[in-house]
């Protein structure tokens, strides 16, 4: 098949298999030529004399494969940890803060029922003598703290029922001064056993 030689100064025309064009080196000397039959895999000749960007299409196809690889990576991450929550295997290291939100309840009295399934840390202000009942949906291994505040009156008492356990089996006594602050730190050894220690009179 006849070859059509194209220099860097010629107008680009329609190329067909068997045609060639020079490959220009940095020196500007054209000392190589590439057969268009090879280029046909990446470029298609058009009637206008321009080269169709099939190479870009191939590139897009390659990117599509790359996208599939990313999807596989995402699937692998999903196996490790789901965005909606789930177990993480192996050691977890944080390079900055790890923060547990605090659920705040003001001026509560009577039976207090905390939802351990919604969080680990709580802040309650007593507006009357109360009973801290066994929380809902605790999990074995769960830890956290409950800040217990007296209102502006003070003298509010707190008793415990259910799975709460204390040293010697004796429930601690709150600070009862007005606006007094104590912190009850806990650990759930099982969903039905919650070991706790009260730190009193924080100022």
N, C-alpha and C. Protein backbone atom coordinates (compact mmCIF):
# COMPACT_ATOMS: atom_id res chain seq x y z
N UNK A 1 0.85 -1.20 0.00
CA UNK A 1 0.00 0.00 0.00
C UNK A 1 0.88 1.24 0.00
N UNK A 2 0.48 2.24 -0.77
CA UNK A 2 1.30 3.45 -0.88
C UNK A 2 1.40 4.15 0.46
N UNK A 3 2.57 4.72 0.73
CA UNK A 3 2.79 5.43 1.98
C UNK A 3 2.70 6.93 1.73
N UNK A 4 2.13 7.61 2.66
CA UNK A 4 2.02 9.06 2.55
C UNK A 4 2.89 9.66 3.63
N UNK A 5 3.94 10.29 3.25
CA UNK A 5 4.88 10.85 4.22
C UNK A 5 4.40 12.22 4.67
N UNK A 6 4.35 12.41 5.96
CA UNK A 6 3.86 13.68 6.50
C UNK A 6 4.97 14.32 7.31
N UNK A 7 5.38 15.49 6.97
CA UNK A 7 6.38 16.18 7.78
C UNK A 7 5.67 17.02 8.81
N UNK A 8 6.45 17.60 9.73
CA UNK A 8 5.85 18.41 10.76
C UNK A 8 5.23 19.69 10.21
N UNK A 9 5.50 19.98 8.93
CA UNK A 9 4.96 21.19 8.34
C UNK A 9 3.77 20.91 7.43
N UNK A 10 3.52 19.63 7.12
CA UNK A 10 2.41 19.30 6.25
C UNK A 10 1.09 19.41 7.01
N UNK A 11 0.03 19.69 6.28
CA UNK A 11 -1.30 19.67 6.90
C UNK A 11 -1.64 18.23 7.20
N UNK A 12 -2.29 18.01 8.33
CA UNK A 12 -2.67 16.64 8.69
C UNK A 12 -3.81 16.20 7.81
N UNK A 13 -3.64 15.08 7.19
CA UNK A 13 -4.68 14.55 6.32
C UNK A 13 -5.12 13.20 6.85
N UNK A 14 -6.11 12.64 6.16
CA UNK A 14 -6.63 11.35 6.57
C UNK A 14 -5.54 10.29 6.47
N UNK A 15 -5.38 9.51 7.51
CA UNK A 15 -4.36 8.46 7.52
C UNK A 15 -5.03 7.12 7.39
N UNK A 16 -4.38 6.25 6.72
CA UNK A 16 -4.88 4.89 6.58
C UNK A 16 -3.78 3.92 6.97
N UNK A 17 -4.12 2.67 7.12
CA UNK A 17 -3.13 1.67 7.50
C UNK A 17 -2.02 1.63 6.46
N UNK A 18 -0.82 1.66 6.90
CA UNK A 18 0.33 1.65 6.01
C UNK A 18 0.96 3.00 5.86
N UNK A 19 0.21 4.07 6.13
CA UNK A 19 0.81 5.41 6.11
C UNK A 19 1.66 5.58 7.35
N UNK A 20 2.51 6.55 7.32
CA UNK A 20 3.36 6.77 8.48
C UNK A 20 3.61 8.25 8.66
N UNK A 21 4.07 8.58 9.85
CA UNK A 21 4.51 9.94 10.06
C UNK A 21 5.76 9.91 10.93
N UNK A 22 6.59 10.93 10.83
CA UNK A 22 7.85 10.91 11.59
C UNK A 22 7.61 11.21 13.07
N UNK A 23 8.42 10.59 13.88
CA UNK A 23 8.42 10.90 15.30
C UNK A 23 9.56 11.86 15.56
N UNK A 24 9.24 13.04 16.06
CA UNK A 24 10.26 14.08 16.22
C UNK A 24 10.93 13.92 17.58
N UNK A 25 12.25 13.85 17.57
CA UNK A 25 12.98 13.80 18.83
C UNK A 25 13.15 15.22 19.36
N UNK A 26 13.70 15.32 20.55
CA UNK A 26 13.88 16.63 21.16
C UNK A 26 14.74 17.53 20.31
N UNK A 27 15.67 16.94 19.56
CA UNK A 27 16.55 17.74 18.71
C UNK A 27 15.82 18.32 17.51
N UNK A 28 14.60 17.87 17.26
CA UNK A 28 13.85 18.33 16.10
C UNK A 28 14.09 17.51 14.87
N UNK A 29 14.96 16.51 14.96
CA UNK A 29 15.25 15.66 13.81
C UNK A 29 14.28 14.51 13.76
N UNK A 30 13.66 14.36 12.63
CA UNK A 30 12.72 13.26 12.46
C UNK A 30 13.47 12.05 11.95
N UNK A 31 13.82 11.17 12.83
CA UNK A 31 14.61 10.02 12.39
C UNK A 31 13.91 8.70 12.65
N UNK A 32 12.65 8.79 13.03
CA UNK A 32 11.88 7.57 13.23
C UNK A 32 10.55 7.71 12.52
N UNK A 33 9.97 6.63 12.16
CA UNK A 33 8.64 6.71 11.60
C UNK A 33 7.78 5.61 12.21
N UNK A 34 6.55 5.89 12.33
CA UNK A 34 5.62 4.94 12.93
C UNK A 34 4.56 4.61 11.91
N UNK A 35 4.36 3.34 11.67
CA UNK A 35 3.34 2.93 10.73
C UNK A 35 1.97 3.19 11.30
N UNK A 36 1.09 3.76 10.48
CA UNK A 36 -0.25 4.08 10.97
C UNK A 36 -1.04 2.82 11.27
N UNK A 37 -0.63 1.73 10.68
CA UNK A 37 -1.32 0.48 11.00
C UNK A 37 -1.25 0.18 12.48
N UNK A 38 -0.18 0.62 13.14
CA UNK A 38 -0.09 0.49 14.59
C UNK A 38 -1.00 1.50 15.26
N UNK A 39 -1.01 2.70 14.68
CA UNK A 39 -1.81 3.75 15.28
C UNK A 39 -3.30 3.46 15.16
N UNK A 40 -3.68 2.64 14.18
CA UNK A 40 -5.10 2.36 13.99
C UNK A 40 -5.76 1.81 15.24
N UNK A 41 -4.97 1.21 16.12
CA UNK A 41 -5.53 0.69 17.37
C UNK A 41 -5.96 1.81 18.30
N UNK A 42 -5.39 3.01 18.07
CA UNK A 42 -5.70 4.10 18.98
C UNK A 42 -6.37 5.28 18.29
N UNK A 43 -6.12 5.44 17.00
CA UNK A 43 -6.69 6.56 16.27
C UNK A 43 -7.44 6.06 15.04
N UNK A 44 -8.52 6.68 14.72
CA UNK A 44 -9.25 6.32 13.50
C UNK A 44 -9.22 7.50 12.56
N UNK A 45 -9.03 7.24 11.28
CA UNK A 45 -9.04 8.32 10.31
C UNK A 45 -10.47 8.77 10.08
N UNK A 46 -10.65 10.05 9.93
CA UNK A 46 -11.97 10.60 9.65
C UNK A 46 -11.95 11.30 8.32
N UNK A 47 -13.13 11.48 7.75
CA UNK A 47 -13.21 12.13 6.46
C UNK A 47 -12.72 13.56 6.48
N UNK A 48 -12.72 14.19 7.63
CA UNK A 48 -12.29 15.58 7.72
C UNK A 48 -10.78 15.71 7.76
N UNK A 49 -10.12 14.61 7.86
CA UNK A 49 -8.66 14.66 7.96
C UNK A 49 -8.18 14.76 9.38
N UNK A 50 -9.08 14.91 10.35
CA UNK A 50 -8.68 14.96 11.75
C UNK A 50 -8.57 13.56 12.30
N UNK A 51 -7.90 13.41 13.39
CA UNK A 51 -7.77 12.11 14.03
C UNK A 51 -8.80 11.99 15.13
N UNK A 52 -9.61 10.95 15.08
CA UNK A 52 -10.60 10.73 16.14
C UNK A 52 -9.89 10.32 17.42
N UNK A 53 -10.43 10.71 18.56
CA UNK A 53 -9.78 10.46 19.84
C UNK A 53 -10.19 9.12 20.41
N UNK A 54 -9.96 8.08 19.66
CA UNK A 54 -10.29 6.77 20.18
C UNK A 54 -9.37 6.38 21.32
N UNK A 55 -8.20 7.00 21.31
CA UNK A 55 -7.28 6.72 22.42
C UNK A 55 -7.90 7.18 23.73
N UNK A 56 -8.60 8.31 23.67
CA UNK A 56 -9.27 8.78 24.87
C UNK A 56 -10.36 7.80 25.28
N UNK A 57 -11.05 7.28 24.28
CA UNK A 57 -12.09 6.30 24.60
C UNK A 57 -11.48 5.08 25.26
N UNK A 58 -10.34 4.64 24.70
CA UNK A 58 -9.66 3.51 25.34
C UNK A 58 -9.22 3.86 26.74
N UNK A 59 -8.74 5.11 26.87
CA UNK A 59 -8.35 5.56 28.20
C UNK A 59 -9.52 5.54 29.16
N UNK A 60 -10.68 5.96 28.66
CA UNK A 60 -11.87 5.94 29.51
C UNK A 60 -12.23 4.52 29.91
N UNK A 61 -12.06 3.62 28.94
CA UNK A 61 -12.35 2.23 29.26
C UNK A 61 -11.40 1.73 30.33
N UNK A 62 -10.13 2.17 30.20
CA UNK A 62 -9.16 1.77 31.23
C UNK A 62 -9.54 2.37 32.57
N UNK A 63 -10.01 3.61 32.54
CA UNK A 63 -10.44 4.24 33.79
C UNK A 63 -11.63 3.52 34.37
N UNK A 64 -12.48 3.02 33.50
CA UNK A 64 -13.62 2.26 34.00
C UNK A 64 -13.15 1.02 34.74
N UNK A 65 -12.10 0.38 34.19
CA UNK A 65 -11.55 -0.76 34.89
C UNK A 65 -10.94 -0.32 36.21
N UNK A 66 -10.29 0.85 36.16
CA UNK A 66 -9.74 1.37 37.41
C UNK A 66 -10.82 1.65 38.42
N UNK A 67 -11.96 2.16 37.93
CA UNK A 67 -13.09 2.42 38.83
C UNK A 67 -13.57 1.13 39.47
N UNK A 68 -13.57 0.08 38.69
CA UNK A 68 -13.97 -1.21 39.26
C UNK A 68 -13.00 -1.63 40.36
N UNK A 69 -11.72 -1.33 40.13
CA UNK A 69 -10.73 -1.68 41.15
C UNK A 69 -11.00 -0.90 42.43
N UNK A 70 -11.36 0.40 42.26
CA UNK A 70 -11.69 1.19 43.43
C UNK A 70 -12.91 0.64 44.14
N UNK A 71 -13.87 0.19 43.33
CA UNK A 71 -15.06 -0.41 43.94
C UNK A 71 -14.69 -1.62 44.76
N UNK A 72 -13.74 -2.41 44.23
CA UNK A 72 -13.28 -3.57 44.99
C UNK A 72 -12.62 -3.12 46.28
N UNK A 73 -11.84 -2.02 46.18
CA UNK A 73 -11.23 -1.49 47.40
C UNK A 73 -12.26 -1.05 48.41
N UNK A 74 -13.32 -0.39 47.91
CA UNK A 74 -14.39 0.03 48.81
C UNK A 74 -15.06 -1.18 49.46
N UNK A 75 -15.25 -2.22 48.65
CA UNK A 75 -15.86 -3.42 49.20
C UNK A 75 -14.99 -4.00 50.31
N UNK A 76 -13.67 -3.95 50.06
CA UNK A 76 -12.76 -4.47 51.08
C UNK A 76 -12.86 -3.65 52.36
N UNK A 77 -12.97 -2.30 52.20
CA UNK A 77 -13.11 -1.45 53.37
C UNK A 77 -14.43 -1.73 54.09
N UNK A 78 -15.47 -2.01 53.30
CA UNK A 78 -16.76 -2.32 53.91
C UNK A 78 -16.66 -3.57 54.77
N UNK A 79 -15.82 -4.53 54.33
CA UNK A 79 -15.62 -5.72 55.14
C UNK A 79 -15.00 -5.38 56.48
N UNK A 80 -14.16 -4.33 56.49
CA UNK A 80 -13.50 -3.93 57.72
C UNK A 80 -14.41 -3.10 58.62
N UNK A 81 -15.06 -2.11 58.00
CA UNK A 81 -15.88 -1.22 58.82
C UNK A 81 -16.97 -0.58 57.95
N UNK A 82 -18.19 -0.76 58.33
CA UNK A 82 -19.31 -0.16 57.61
C UNK A 82 -19.53 1.24 58.13
N UNK A 83 -19.88 2.16 57.23
CA UNK A 83 -20.09 3.54 57.64
C UNK A 83 -21.19 3.63 58.69
N UNK A 84 -22.20 2.77 58.58
CA UNK A 84 -23.30 2.79 59.54
C UNK A 84 -22.91 2.19 60.88
N UNK A 85 -21.71 1.64 60.98
CA UNK A 85 -21.25 1.05 62.23
C UNK A 85 -20.98 -0.42 62.07
N UNK A 86 -20.09 -0.94 62.87
CA UNK A 86 -19.75 -2.35 62.79
C UNK A 86 -18.42 -2.62 63.46
N UNK A 87 -18.06 -3.87 63.61
CA UNK A 87 -16.81 -4.19 64.30
C UNK A 87 -15.59 -3.86 63.44
N UNK A 88 -14.52 -3.46 64.08
CA UNK A 88 -13.24 -3.23 63.42
C UNK A 88 -12.28 -4.28 63.92
N UNK A 89 -11.66 -5.01 62.99
CA UNK A 89 -10.71 -6.04 63.40
C UNK A 89 -9.31 -5.45 63.47
N UNK A 90 -8.49 -5.99 64.35
CA UNK A 90 -7.12 -5.52 64.48
C UNK A 90 -7.01 -4.32 65.40
N UNK A 91 -5.78 -3.80 65.49
CA UNK A 91 -5.49 -2.67 66.37
C UNK A 91 -5.96 -1.37 65.70
N UNK A 92 -6.60 -0.50 66.47
CA UNK A 92 -7.05 0.78 65.96
C UNK A 92 -6.21 1.89 66.59
N UNK A 93 -5.56 2.69 65.75
CA UNK A 93 -4.72 3.78 66.24
C UNK A 93 -5.27 5.10 65.71
N UNK A 94 -5.49 6.07 66.59
CA UNK A 94 -5.92 7.39 66.16
C UNK A 94 -4.75 8.35 66.27
N UNK A 95 -4.60 9.22 65.26
CA UNK A 95 -3.50 10.18 65.27
C UNK A 95 -3.90 11.49 65.92
N UNK A 96 -5.18 11.63 66.22
CA UNK A 96 -5.65 12.84 66.88
C UNK A 96 -6.66 12.43 67.95
N UNK A 97 -7.71 13.18 68.12
CA UNK A 97 -8.69 12.89 69.15
C UNK A 97 -9.67 11.81 68.74
N UNK A 98 -10.14 11.08 69.72
CA UNK A 98 -11.26 10.16 69.53
C UNK A 98 -12.34 10.62 70.50
N UNK A 99 -13.47 11.09 69.96
CA UNK A 99 -14.45 11.80 70.77
C UNK A 99 -15.77 11.05 70.82
N UNK A 100 -16.28 10.87 72.04
CA UNK A 100 -17.62 10.30 72.21
C UNK A 100 -18.58 11.41 72.61
N UNK A 101 -19.65 11.56 71.86
CA UNK A 101 -20.61 12.63 72.14
C UNK A 101 -21.23 12.45 73.53
N UNK A 102 -21.63 13.57 74.13
CA UNK A 102 -22.25 13.56 75.46
C UNK A 102 -23.75 13.84 75.31
N UNK A 103 -24.57 12.96 75.87
CA UNK A 103 -26.02 13.17 75.89
C UNK A 103 -26.39 13.89 77.18
N UNK A 104 -27.00 15.06 77.04
CA UNK A 104 -27.30 15.91 78.20
C UNK A 104 -28.79 15.88 78.53
N UNK A 105 -29.10 15.69 79.82
CA UNK A 105 -30.48 15.74 80.31
C UNK A 105 -30.52 16.68 81.51
N UNK A 106 -31.35 17.71 81.42
CA UNK A 106 -31.42 18.70 82.49
C UNK A 106 -32.64 18.51 83.37
N UNK A 107 -32.45 18.76 84.66
CA UNK A 107 -33.53 18.75 85.65
C UNK A 107 -34.40 17.50 85.57
N UNK A 108 -33.75 16.38 85.74
CA UNK A 108 -34.48 15.12 85.74
C UNK A 108 -34.75 14.69 87.18
N UNK A 109 -35.77 13.90 87.35
CA UNK A 109 -36.07 13.34 88.66
C UNK A 109 -36.88 12.08 88.47
N UNK A 110 -37.02 11.29 89.52
CA UNK A 110 -37.72 10.03 89.42
C UNK A 110 -36.79 8.95 88.88
N UNK A 111 -37.30 8.07 88.05
CA UNK A 111 -36.49 6.98 87.49
C UNK A 111 -35.74 7.49 86.26
N UNK A 112 -34.42 7.31 86.28
CA UNK A 112 -33.59 7.74 85.15
C UNK A 112 -33.19 6.50 84.36
N UNK A 113 -33.54 6.49 83.09
CA UNK A 113 -33.26 5.34 82.23
C UNK A 113 -32.41 5.83 81.06
N UNK A 114 -31.12 5.59 81.14
CA UNK A 114 -30.21 6.03 80.08
C UNK A 114 -30.15 4.98 78.97
N UNK A 115 -29.98 5.45 77.75
CA UNK A 115 -29.89 4.54 76.60
C UNK A 115 -28.42 4.35 76.23
N UNK A 116 -27.85 3.24 76.68
CA UNK A 116 -26.45 2.97 76.38
C UNK A 116 -26.25 2.57 74.92
N UNK A 117 -27.33 2.26 74.22
CA UNK A 117 -27.21 1.95 72.81
C UNK A 117 -27.04 3.21 71.96
N UNK A 118 -27.32 4.38 72.53
CA UNK A 118 -27.21 5.63 71.79
C UNK A 118 -25.92 6.38 72.08
N UNK A 119 -25.19 5.98 73.11
CA UNK A 119 -23.95 6.67 73.44
C UNK A 119 -23.33 6.12 74.70
N UNK A 120 -22.13 6.64 75.01
CA UNK A 120 -21.38 6.17 76.19
C UNK A 120 -21.36 7.20 77.32
N UNK A 121 -21.46 8.48 76.96
CA UNK A 121 -21.27 9.54 77.95
C UNK A 121 -22.55 10.36 78.12
N UNK A 122 -22.83 10.68 79.40
CA UNK A 122 -24.08 11.36 79.72
C UNK A 122 -23.82 12.47 80.73
N UNK A 123 -24.70 13.46 80.72
CA UNK A 123 -24.61 14.58 81.66
C UNK A 123 -26.03 14.87 82.13
N UNK A 124 -26.28 14.62 83.42
CA UNK A 124 -27.63 14.81 83.95
C UNK A 124 -27.61 15.80 85.11
N UNK A 125 -28.66 16.58 85.20
CA UNK A 125 -28.83 17.50 86.32
C UNK A 125 -30.05 17.07 87.11
N UNK A 126 -29.86 16.81 88.38
CA UNK A 126 -30.94 16.31 89.22
C UNK A 126 -31.83 17.47 89.68
N UNK A 127 -33.12 17.34 89.40
CA UNK A 127 -34.08 18.32 89.89
C UNK A 127 -34.89 17.79 91.04
N UNK A 128 -34.54 16.59 91.51
CA UNK A 128 -35.22 15.94 92.63
C UNK A 128 -34.52 14.62 92.89
N UNK A 129 -34.80 14.00 94.00
CA UNK A 129 -34.19 12.71 94.30
C UNK A 129 -34.61 11.69 93.26
N UNK A 130 -33.66 10.86 92.81
CA UNK A 130 -33.90 10.00 91.65
C UNK A 130 -33.30 8.61 91.85
N UNK A 131 -33.67 7.72 90.93
CA UNK A 131 -33.11 6.36 90.90
C UNK A 131 -32.53 6.12 89.51
N UNK A 132 -31.26 5.71 89.48
CA UNK A 132 -30.61 5.38 88.22
C UNK A 132 -30.87 3.90 87.94
N UNK A 133 -31.73 3.65 86.98
CA UNK A 133 -32.13 2.29 86.66
C UNK A 133 -31.10 1.64 85.73
N UNK A 134 -31.23 0.31 85.53
CA UNK A 134 -30.36 -0.36 84.57
C UNK A 134 -30.57 0.27 83.21
N UNK A 135 -29.52 0.73 82.54
CA UNK A 135 -29.68 1.38 81.24
C UNK A 135 -30.20 0.41 80.19
N UNK A 136 -30.77 0.95 79.15
CA UNK A 136 -31.22 0.11 78.05
C UNK A 136 -30.06 -0.19 77.10
N UNK A 137 -30.08 -1.38 76.52
CA UNK A 137 -29.13 -1.87 75.52
C UNK A 137 -27.65 -1.63 75.85
N UNK A 138 -27.21 -1.97 77.07
CA UNK A 138 -25.76 -1.90 77.32
C UNK A 138 -25.05 -3.06 76.61
N UNK A 139 -23.77 -2.90 76.33
CA UNK A 139 -22.99 -3.94 75.68
C UNK A 139 -21.80 -4.31 76.54
N UNK A 140 -21.47 -5.61 76.58
CA UNK A 140 -20.29 -6.04 77.31
C UNK A 140 -19.05 -5.39 76.73
N UNK A 141 -18.21 -4.80 77.59
CA UNK A 141 -17.02 -4.10 77.15
C UNK A 141 -17.22 -2.61 76.99
N UNK A 142 -18.44 -2.14 77.12
CA UNK A 142 -18.73 -0.72 76.97
C UNK A 142 -18.23 0.06 78.18
N UNK A 143 -17.67 1.22 77.94
CA UNK A 143 -17.21 2.09 79.02
C UNK A 143 -17.69 3.51 78.76
N UNK A 144 -17.72 4.31 79.80
CA UNK A 144 -18.12 5.70 79.64
C UNK A 144 -18.23 6.38 80.99
N UNK A 145 -18.85 7.54 80.98
CA UNK A 145 -19.00 8.29 82.23
C UNK A 145 -20.33 9.03 82.24
N UNK A 146 -20.81 9.25 83.47
CA UNK A 146 -22.06 9.99 83.66
C UNK A 146 -21.76 11.14 84.63
N UNK A 147 -21.85 12.37 84.12
CA UNK A 147 -21.68 13.53 84.99
C UNK A 147 -23.02 13.79 85.68
N UNK A 148 -22.98 13.86 87.01
CA UNK A 148 -24.21 14.04 87.79
C UNK A 148 -24.12 15.38 88.50
N UNK A 149 -25.04 16.27 88.16
CA UNK A 149 -25.01 17.62 88.71
C UNK A 149 -26.21 17.85 89.64
N UNK A 150 -25.98 18.60 90.71
CA UNK A 150 -27.07 19.08 91.55
C UNK A 150 -27.62 20.37 90.93
N UNK A 151 -28.92 20.58 91.07
CA UNK A 151 -29.46 21.84 90.59
C UNK A 151 -29.09 22.97 91.56
N UNK A 152 -29.66 24.13 91.36
CA UNK A 152 -29.31 25.28 92.21
C UNK A 152 -29.80 25.14 93.64
N UNK A 153 -30.66 24.13 93.88
CA UNK A 153 -31.15 23.88 95.24
C UNK A 153 -30.23 22.92 95.97
N UNK A 154 -29.84 21.83 95.31
CA UNK A 154 -28.99 20.82 95.93
C UNK A 154 -29.79 19.85 96.78
N UNK A 155 -29.06 19.03 97.52
CA UNK A 155 -29.64 18.03 98.42
C UNK A 155 -30.40 16.94 97.68
N UNK A 156 -30.14 16.76 96.37
CA UNK A 156 -30.79 15.71 95.60
C UNK A 156 -30.04 14.41 95.79
N UNK A 157 -30.78 13.35 96.07
CA UNK A 157 -30.17 12.03 96.30
C UNK A 157 -30.33 11.16 95.07
N UNK A 158 -29.43 10.16 94.95
CA UNK A 158 -29.50 9.24 93.83
C UNK A 158 -29.29 7.81 94.33
N UNK A 159 -30.25 6.96 94.00
CA UNK A 159 -30.10 5.53 94.32
C UNK A 159 -29.96 4.77 93.01
N UNK A 160 -29.66 3.48 93.12
CA UNK A 160 -29.36 2.68 91.93
C UNK A 160 -30.16 1.38 91.99
N UNK A 161 -30.60 0.93 90.83
CA UNK A 161 -31.31 -0.35 90.77
C UNK A 161 -30.81 -1.13 89.56
N UNK A 162 -31.04 -2.43 89.60
CA UNK A 162 -30.64 -3.25 88.46
C UNK A 162 -29.19 -3.69 88.54
N UNK A 163 -28.48 -3.57 87.41
CA UNK A 163 -27.15 -4.15 87.29
C UNK A 163 -25.99 -3.31 87.80
N UNK A 164 -26.25 -2.18 88.44
CA UNK A 164 -25.15 -1.34 88.95
C UNK A 164 -24.43 -2.03 90.10
N UNK A 165 -23.11 -2.04 90.06
CA UNK A 165 -22.29 -2.68 91.10
C UNK A 165 -21.22 -1.71 91.58
N UNK A 166 -21.01 -1.71 92.92
CA UNK A 166 -20.04 -0.80 93.52
C UNK A 166 -19.14 -1.56 94.49
N UNK A 167 -18.02 -0.94 94.83
CA UNK A 167 -17.09 -1.56 95.77
C UNK A 167 -17.79 -1.90 97.07
N UNK A 168 -17.64 -3.17 97.51
CA UNK A 168 -18.26 -3.61 98.76
C UNK A 168 -19.76 -3.70 98.68
N UNK A 169 -20.33 -3.51 97.49
CA UNK A 169 -21.78 -3.61 97.35
C UNK A 169 -22.54 -2.41 97.89
N UNK A 170 -21.81 -1.33 98.20
CA UNK A 170 -22.45 -0.15 98.78
C UNK A 170 -22.46 0.99 97.78
N UNK A 171 -23.64 1.52 97.52
CA UNK A 171 -23.75 2.62 96.57
C UNK A 171 -23.11 3.88 97.15
N UNK A 172 -22.42 4.65 96.32
CA UNK A 172 -21.75 5.86 96.82
C UNK A 172 -22.74 6.98 97.10
N UNK A 173 -22.30 7.95 97.90
CA UNK A 173 -23.13 9.10 98.25
C UNK A 173 -22.72 10.30 97.41
N UNK A 174 -23.73 10.95 96.81
CA UNK A 174 -23.44 12.12 95.98
C UNK A 174 -23.03 13.33 96.80
N UNK A 175 -22.35 14.25 96.15
CA UNK A 175 -22.18 15.58 96.70
C UNK A 175 -23.53 16.28 96.63
N UNK A 176 -23.99 16.83 97.73
CA UNK A 176 -25.36 17.38 97.75
C UNK A 176 -25.41 18.90 97.84
N UNK A 177 -24.24 19.55 97.78
CA UNK A 177 -24.27 21.01 97.79
C UNK A 177 -24.91 21.52 96.49
N UNK A 178 -25.48 22.71 96.55
CA UNK A 178 -26.10 23.30 95.36
C UNK A 178 -25.08 23.39 94.22
N UNK A 179 -25.48 22.95 93.03
CA UNK A 179 -24.63 22.95 91.84
C UNK A 179 -23.40 22.06 91.98
N UNK A 180 -23.42 21.12 92.91
CA UNK A 180 -22.31 20.18 93.08
C UNK A 180 -22.20 19.26 91.86
N UNK A 181 -20.98 18.78 91.61
CA UNK A 181 -20.74 17.94 90.43
C UNK A 181 -19.98 16.68 90.82
N UNK A 182 -20.51 15.52 90.44
CA UNK A 182 -19.83 14.24 90.60
C UNK A 182 -19.77 13.56 89.23
N UNK A 183 -18.86 12.61 89.09
CA UNK A 183 -18.77 11.85 87.84
C UNK A 183 -18.78 10.36 88.17
N UNK A 184 -19.72 9.64 87.57
CA UNK A 184 -19.83 8.20 87.74
C UNK A 184 -19.18 7.53 86.50
N UNK A 185 -18.03 6.90 86.72
CA UNK A 185 -17.34 6.20 85.63
C UNK A 185 -17.73 4.74 85.67
N UNK A 186 -18.02 4.14 84.52
CA UNK A 186 -18.54 2.77 84.52
C UNK A 186 -17.86 1.89 83.47
N UNK A 187 -17.98 0.61 83.70
CA UNK A 187 -17.52 -0.41 82.75
C UNK A 187 -18.52 -1.56 82.78
N UNK A 188 -19.00 -1.96 81.60
CA UNK A 188 -19.96 -3.07 81.52
C UNK A 188 -19.18 -4.36 81.27
N UNK A 189 -19.02 -5.17 82.31
CA UNK A 189 -18.35 -6.45 82.10
C UNK A 189 -19.24 -7.40 81.29
N UNK A 190 -20.54 -7.26 81.48
CA UNK A 190 -21.55 -7.97 80.69
C UNK A 190 -22.72 -7.00 80.51
N UNK A 191 -23.67 -7.30 79.64
CA UNK A 191 -24.82 -6.41 79.50
C UNK A 191 -25.65 -6.26 80.77
N UNK A 192 -25.49 -7.17 81.71
CA UNK A 192 -26.30 -7.10 82.93
C UNK A 192 -25.47 -6.74 84.17
N UNK A 193 -24.18 -6.50 84.01
CA UNK A 193 -23.32 -6.14 85.15
C UNK A 193 -22.52 -4.88 84.79
N UNK A 194 -22.78 -3.82 85.57
CA UNK A 194 -22.14 -2.53 85.29
C UNK A 194 -21.36 -2.10 86.53
N UNK A 195 -20.03 -2.22 86.46
CA UNK A 195 -19.20 -1.80 87.58
C UNK A 195 -18.93 -0.29 87.48
N UNK A 196 -19.08 0.40 88.63
CA UNK A 196 -18.98 1.85 88.59
C UNK A 196 -18.23 2.40 89.79
N UNK A 197 -17.58 3.55 89.57
CA UNK A 197 -16.86 4.27 90.63
C UNK A 197 -17.27 5.74 90.55
N UNK A 198 -17.60 6.33 91.71
CA UNK A 198 -18.02 7.74 91.73
C UNK A 198 -16.87 8.63 92.20
N UNK A 199 -16.57 9.64 91.40
CA UNK A 199 -15.62 10.67 91.79
C UNK A 199 -16.42 11.88 92.23
N UNK A 200 -16.24 12.31 93.48
CA UNK A 200 -17.15 13.30 94.07
C UNK A 200 -16.55 14.69 94.18
N UNK A 201 -17.46 15.64 94.32
CA UNK A 201 -17.14 17.05 94.63
C UNK A 201 -16.09 17.64 93.69
N UNK A 202 -16.38 17.55 92.41
CA UNK A 202 -15.47 18.13 91.41
C UNK A 202 -15.70 19.62 91.31
N UNK A 203 -14.62 20.39 91.33
CA UNK A 203 -14.75 21.84 91.33
C UNK A 203 -13.78 22.46 90.32
